[in-house]
Amino acid sequence: MECAAVLMLPLVAHGESIGLFEVYSQVPRTFTDDEVVFCRLLCDVVAAAVQNAQLYEELRRLADTDPLTGLWNRRVFDSRLADALGDPGALPVSIAILDVDDLKQINDRYGHPAGDLALIGVAEALRIGVRAGDLAFRPGGAAFALLLPAAPGPRRRPARPPRRPPSRSQRRARPLPAR
C-alpha cells in the first residue's frame, strides 16, 4: 500500500508517551481539523485502554507471584494442581514438596535478611534446576513445591530407592557468617 498522507499522534497516558497512533491515506491530502480532533479523542481512549491493560497485567503478576522469590504463589499452585489432577487426558504429574529446615533458627540467629537470602537461594536453585515445562512455587513460609509433568510413556522405577532424610543428629550444618 502506497502512502500519500500520514497523521501521527502520540498515545499519552498520565503525561507519559506509551505509543503512536498513525492514520494513513492513499490519496494526497491534508487532514481536516475535525479529523484531527476526532483522532486525538480516539488517542485518549486508546491510551487509556492500553494503560488499563498494562495495569491489569501488572496486578495479575503481583497477585500470582511471591514478592520475595518471584516464584508462583499458593493460589497459582492450587489452581495448577487442580488443573493437572482434573484433566484425565493430561500427562501424569509428579509433585515435590520441599521445606527449608531450621529457617526459624536462621532468622533468630542471623536476622530475617539472612533467612530471606536462604529462601531466595532455594528459589533460584529451583528456577535453574527444573526442566522446561516444570513449575516451581512458593506456597508460603519455608515451603516450596514443584509440579513436574512426566514424559509420555511407561512409568519408570527410580534408579535407586529414595533415601530417608538424615535425622537432626546426623545433619551437618554449614555455619553462616556472623553478622
Foldseek 3Di string as FASTA:
>chain_A
DDFQDKDKDFQDDPRDTDGIDMDTDPDHDDDDPVRVVVVVVVSPVVSVVVVVVVVVVVVVQVVQADVLQSAGEQVVVVVVVCVQVVDPPFADKDKDKDFDPPLVVCCVQANVVRSSVVQNVVSVCCVVPADVVKGKYDHDDRMIMIIGGDDDDDDDDDPDDDDDDDDPVPDDDDDDDHD
